[in-house]
């Protein structure tokens, strides 16, 4: 898969709530955590996490958690930029993006 195809799958530049929602789901699925497990690990109430994921509106706390725990950068979550993701993380996330 070339870089342009990767950017297209990541929806680079798409900051819509729908695109952020899809990237959040892909990042969570890459982690192999359920919503409840990830929320607990991030120190966020499950209902808050679920709401943030569904709305495509992650909090700074949630994005900081993804960065520190899984090396998923803010730029990927909010704007679909795959450039700062480690290659192994990117390959796992791509498996979960449609």
N, C-alpha and C. Protein backbone atom coordinates (compact mmCIF):
# COMPACT_ATOMS: atom_id res chain seq x y z
N UNK A 1 0.86 -1.17 0.00
CA UNK A 1 0.00 0.00 0.00
C UNK A 1 0.91 1.24 0.00
N UNK A 2 0.70 2.14 -0.95
CA UNK A 2 1.53 3.33 -1.00
C UNK A 2 1.00 4.41 -0.05
N UNK A 3 1.81 5.46 0.12
CA UNK A 3 1.48 6.47 1.11
C UNK A 3 0.17 7.20 0.80
N UNK A 4 -0.10 7.46 -0.48
CA UNK A 4 -1.34 8.13 -0.84
C UNK A 4 -2.56 7.30 -0.48
N UNK A 5 -2.46 5.99 -0.65
CA UNK A 5 -3.56 5.10 -0.28
C UNK A 5 -3.74 5.08 1.24
N UNK A 6 -2.62 5.09 1.96
CA UNK A 6 -2.68 5.13 3.43
C UNK A 6 -3.37 6.41 3.88
N UNK A 7 -2.99 7.55 3.30
CA UNK A 7 -3.62 8.82 3.67
C UNK A 7 -5.12 8.80 3.37
N UNK A 8 -5.48 8.20 2.26
CA UNK A 8 -6.90 8.11 1.90
C UNK A 8 -7.66 7.26 2.93
N UNK A 9 -7.10 6.11 3.32
CA UNK A 9 -7.77 5.25 4.31
C UNK A 9 -7.86 5.93 5.67
N UNK A 10 -6.86 6.73 6.01
CA UNK A 10 -6.87 7.46 7.28
C UNK A 10 -7.74 8.71 7.22
N UNK A 11 -8.20 9.03 6.03
CA UNK A 11 -9.02 10.23 5.78
C UNK A 11 -8.27 11.48 6.22
N UNK A 12 -7.01 11.56 5.76
CA UNK A 12 -6.15 12.69 6.13
C UNK A 12 -6.82 14.00 5.73
N UNK A 13 -6.83 14.93 6.67
CA UNK A 13 -7.42 16.24 6.46
C UNK A 13 -8.90 16.31 6.77
N UNK A 14 -9.54 15.18 6.99
CA UNK A 14 -10.97 15.15 7.31
C UNK A 14 -11.13 15.28 8.82
N UNK A 15 -11.61 16.42 9.24
CA UNK A 15 -11.77 16.68 10.68
C UNK A 15 -13.23 16.57 11.12
N UNK A 16 -14.05 15.93 10.29
CA UNK A 16 -15.45 15.78 10.65
C UNK A 16 -15.60 14.82 11.83
N UNK A 17 -16.64 14.98 12.61
CA UNK A 17 -16.88 14.05 13.72
C UNK A 17 -16.95 12.59 13.26
N UNK A 18 -17.51 12.35 12.08
CA UNK A 18 -17.59 10.98 11.56
C UNK A 18 -16.20 10.38 11.33
N UNK A 19 -15.31 11.16 10.75
CA UNK A 19 -13.94 10.67 10.50
C UNK A 19 -13.20 10.43 11.81
N UNK A 20 -13.34 11.35 12.76
CA UNK A 20 -12.70 11.19 14.07
C UNK A 20 -13.26 9.97 14.77
N UNK A 21 -14.56 9.77 14.69
CA UNK A 21 -15.22 8.59 15.26
C UNK A 21 -14.58 7.31 14.70
N UNK A 22 -14.42 7.23 13.40
CA UNK A 22 -13.84 6.03 12.77
C UNK A 22 -12.40 5.82 13.22
N UNK A 23 -11.63 6.90 13.33
CA UNK A 23 -10.23 6.76 13.78
C UNK A 23 -10.15 6.35 15.25
N UNK A 24 -11.06 6.87 16.08
CA UNK A 24 -11.09 6.46 17.48
C UNK A 24 -11.41 4.97 17.61
N UNK A 25 -12.36 4.51 16.85
CA UNK A 25 -12.71 3.08 16.89
C UNK A 25 -11.51 2.25 16.43
N UNK A 26 -10.86 2.66 15.36
CA UNK A 26 -9.70 1.92 14.85
C UNK A 26 -8.58 1.88 15.90
N UNK A 27 -8.35 3.01 16.56
CA UNK A 27 -7.31 3.05 17.59
C UNK A 27 -7.67 2.15 18.77
N UNK A 28 -8.94 2.17 19.16
CA UNK A 28 -9.37 1.28 20.27
C UNK A 28 -9.25 -0.17 19.87
N UNK A 29 -9.69 -0.50 18.67
CA UNK A 29 -9.62 -1.90 18.23
C UNK A 29 -8.17 -2.37 18.10
N UNK A 30 -7.29 -1.48 17.70
CA UNK A 30 -5.87 -1.80 17.63
C UNK A 30 -5.34 -2.18 19.01
N UNK A 31 -5.91 -1.55 20.03
CA UNK A 31 -5.46 -1.81 21.41
C UNK A 31 -5.96 -3.14 21.95
N UNK A 32 -6.96 -3.72 21.28
CA UNK A 32 -7.61 -4.97 21.71
C UNK A 32 -8.43 -4.80 22.99
N UNK A 33 -8.70 -3.57 23.39
CA UNK A 33 -9.52 -3.30 24.56
C UNK A 33 -10.97 -3.11 24.15
N UNK A 34 -11.88 -3.51 25.01
CA UNK A 34 -13.29 -3.16 24.83
C UNK A 34 -13.44 -1.69 25.24
N UNK A 35 -14.60 -1.14 24.98
CA UNK A 35 -14.84 0.24 25.41
C UNK A 35 -14.69 0.37 26.93
N UNK A 36 -15.24 -0.58 27.67
CA UNK A 36 -15.17 -0.52 29.13
C UNK A 36 -13.73 -0.65 29.62
N UNK A 37 -12.97 -1.55 29.02
CA UNK A 37 -11.57 -1.74 29.43
C UNK A 37 -10.73 -0.50 29.14
N UNK A 38 -10.93 0.07 27.96
CA UNK A 38 -10.15 1.25 27.60
C UNK A 38 -10.51 2.43 28.49
N UNK A 39 -11.79 2.62 28.75
CA UNK A 39 -12.22 3.71 29.61
C UNK A 39 -11.59 3.57 31.00
N UNK A 40 -11.63 2.37 31.55
CA UNK A 40 -11.05 2.14 32.88
C UNK A 40 -9.55 2.41 32.86
N UNK A 41 -8.88 1.94 31.84
CA UNK A 41 -7.44 2.13 31.74
C UNK A 41 -7.07 3.61 31.58
N UNK A 42 -7.93 4.36 30.89
CA UNK A 42 -7.68 5.79 30.67
C UNK A 42 -8.13 6.65 31.85
N UNK A 43 -8.84 6.04 32.80
CA UNK A 43 -9.34 6.78 33.94
C UNK A 43 -10.54 7.66 33.60
N UNK A 44 -11.33 7.19 32.64
CA UNK A 44 -12.52 7.92 32.19
C UNK A 44 -13.73 7.04 32.45
N UNK A 45 -14.83 7.65 32.84
CA UNK A 45 -16.05 6.87 33.03
C UNK A 45 -16.46 6.25 31.69
N UNK A 46 -16.97 5.05 31.76
CA UNK A 46 -17.37 4.33 30.55
C UNK A 46 -18.35 5.14 29.70
N UNK A 47 -19.35 5.71 30.34
CA UNK A 47 -20.36 6.47 29.58
C UNK A 47 -19.74 7.69 28.91
N UNK A 48 -18.78 8.31 29.58
CA UNK A 48 -18.09 9.46 29.00
C UNK A 48 -17.27 9.03 27.80
N UNK A 49 -16.54 7.92 27.96
CA UNK A 49 -15.74 7.42 26.84
C UNK A 49 -16.63 7.07 25.65
N UNK A 50 -17.69 6.33 25.92
CA UNK A 50 -18.60 5.91 24.85
C UNK A 50 -19.17 7.12 24.11
N UNK A 51 -19.54 8.13 24.86
CA UNK A 51 -20.08 9.35 24.28
C UNK A 51 -19.03 10.06 23.40
N UNK A 52 -17.81 10.15 23.90
CA UNK A 52 -16.74 10.79 23.14
C UNK A 52 -16.45 10.04 21.85
N UNK A 53 -16.41 8.71 21.93
CA UNK A 53 -16.13 7.90 20.75
C UNK A 53 -17.26 8.03 19.73
N UNK A 54 -18.51 7.93 20.18
CA UNK A 54 -19.65 8.01 19.26
C UNK A 54 -19.77 9.38 18.61
N UNK A 55 -19.49 10.43 19.36
CA UNK A 55 -19.63 11.79 18.85
C UNK A 55 -18.42 12.23 18.02
N UNK A 56 -17.34 11.46 18.08
CA UNK A 56 -16.12 11.88 17.39
C UNK A 56 -15.56 13.15 18.01
N UNK A 57 -15.63 13.21 19.34
CA UNK A 57 -15.20 14.40 20.08
C UNK A 57 -14.38 13.98 21.30
N UNK A 58 -13.16 13.49 21.08
CA UNK A 58 -12.35 13.01 22.21
C UNK A 58 -11.83 14.16 23.07
N UNK A 59 -11.75 13.89 24.36
CA UNK A 59 -11.18 14.87 25.28
C UNK A 59 -9.66 14.84 25.18
N UNK A 60 -9.04 15.88 25.71
CA UNK A 60 -7.58 15.92 25.77
C UNK A 60 -7.08 14.74 26.60
N UNK A 61 -7.78 14.41 27.68
CA UNK A 61 -7.38 13.28 28.52
C UNK A 61 -7.36 11.98 27.71
N UNK A 62 -8.37 11.76 26.89
CA UNK A 62 -8.42 10.54 26.09
C UNK A 62 -7.32 10.53 25.04
N UNK A 63 -7.10 11.64 24.37
CA UNK A 63 -6.05 11.68 23.35
C UNK A 63 -4.66 11.52 23.98
N UNK A 64 -4.48 12.09 25.16
CA UNK A 64 -3.20 11.92 25.87
C UNK A 64 -2.99 10.46 26.23
N UNK A 65 -4.05 9.80 26.63
CA UNK A 65 -3.95 8.37 26.95
C UNK A 65 -3.55 7.57 25.72
N UNK A 66 -4.21 7.80 24.58
CA UNK A 66 -3.85 7.07 23.36
C UNK A 66 -2.39 7.30 22.99
N UNK A 67 -1.91 8.52 23.18
CA UNK A 67 -0.51 8.82 22.86
C UNK A 67 0.44 8.09 23.79
N UNK A 68 0.19 8.18 25.09
CA UNK A 68 1.13 7.57 26.04
C UNK A 68 1.05 6.04 26.06
N UNK A 69 -0.13 5.49 25.90
CA UNK A 69 -0.29 4.04 25.99
C UNK A 69 -0.03 3.31 24.67
N UNK A 70 -0.37 3.95 23.55
CA UNK A 70 -0.32 3.23 22.27
C UNK A 70 0.42 3.96 21.16
N UNK A 71 0.98 5.14 21.48
CA UNK A 71 1.71 5.95 20.50
C UNK A 71 0.82 6.39 19.34
N UNK A 72 -0.46 6.59 19.63
CA UNK A 72 -1.40 7.10 18.62
C UNK A 72 -1.47 8.61 18.83
N UNK A 73 -0.93 9.33 17.88
CA UNK A 73 -0.75 10.77 17.95
C UNK A 73 -2.06 11.55 17.78
N UNK A 74 -2.14 12.72 18.42
CA UNK A 74 -3.28 13.62 18.31
C UNK A 74 -3.56 13.94 16.84
N UNK A 75 -2.50 14.15 16.06
CA UNK A 75 -2.67 14.53 14.66
C UNK A 75 -3.38 13.44 13.86
N UNK A 76 -3.18 12.21 14.24
CA UNK A 76 -3.91 11.12 13.57
C UNK A 76 -5.37 11.14 13.99
N UNK A 77 -5.62 11.22 15.29
CA UNK A 77 -6.99 11.16 15.78
C UNK A 77 -7.83 12.31 15.21
N UNK A 78 -7.32 13.51 15.29
CA UNK A 78 -8.11 14.67 14.90
C UNK A 78 -8.10 14.97 13.40
N UNK A 79 -6.98 14.65 12.73
CA UNK A 79 -6.88 15.03 11.33
C UNK A 79 -6.51 13.93 10.37
N UNK A 80 -6.32 12.72 10.88
CA UNK A 80 -6.01 11.60 10.02
C UNK A 80 -4.59 11.57 9.49
N UNK A 81 -3.68 12.32 10.09
CA UNK A 81 -2.29 12.36 9.62
C UNK A 81 -1.52 11.16 10.16
N UNK A 82 -1.14 10.23 9.28
CA UNK A 82 -0.45 9.03 9.75
C UNK A 82 1.06 9.19 9.92
N UNK A 83 1.60 10.36 9.59
CA UNK A 83 3.05 10.55 9.52
C UNK A 83 3.77 10.29 10.84
N UNK A 84 3.15 10.58 11.96
CA UNK A 84 3.83 10.43 13.26
C UNK A 84 3.54 9.11 13.96
N UNK A 85 2.79 8.25 13.31
CA UNK A 85 2.52 6.94 13.91
C UNK A 85 3.68 6.00 13.62
N UNK A 86 4.14 5.26 14.62
CA UNK A 86 5.13 4.22 14.33
C UNK A 86 4.56 3.24 13.31
N UNK A 87 5.41 2.68 12.48
CA UNK A 87 4.92 1.83 11.39
C UNK A 87 4.11 0.64 11.88
N UNK A 88 4.50 0.03 13.00
CA UNK A 88 3.73 -1.11 13.50
C UNK A 88 2.35 -0.68 13.99
N UNK A 89 2.26 0.49 14.60
CA UNK A 89 0.98 1.02 15.06
C UNK A 89 0.11 1.35 13.85
N UNK A 90 0.69 1.99 12.85
CA UNK A 90 -0.05 2.32 11.64
C UNK A 90 -0.60 1.08 10.96
N UNK A 91 0.20 0.04 10.85
CA UNK A 91 -0.26 -1.18 10.20
C UNK A 91 -1.42 -1.81 10.96
N UNK A 92 -1.38 -1.78 12.28
CA UNK A 92 -2.49 -2.32 13.08
C UNK A 92 -3.75 -1.49 12.92
N UNK A 93 -3.59 -0.18 12.93
CA UNK A 93 -4.76 0.71 12.78
C UNK A 93 -5.38 0.54 11.42
N UNK A 94 -4.56 0.41 10.38
CA UNK A 94 -5.10 0.24 9.02
C UNK A 94 -5.98 -0.99 8.90
N UNK A 95 -5.70 -2.00 9.70
CA UNK A 95 -6.53 -3.21 9.67
C UNK A 95 -7.97 -2.93 10.11
N UNK A 96 -8.15 -1.85 10.88
CA UNK A 96 -9.46 -1.56 11.44
C UNK A 96 -10.15 -0.35 10.82
N UNK A 97 -9.52 0.24 9.82
CA UNK A 97 -10.15 1.35 9.10
C UNK A 97 -10.83 0.80 7.86
N UNK A 98 -12.05 1.24 7.59
CA UNK A 98 -12.72 0.76 6.39
C UNK A 98 -12.66 1.78 5.28
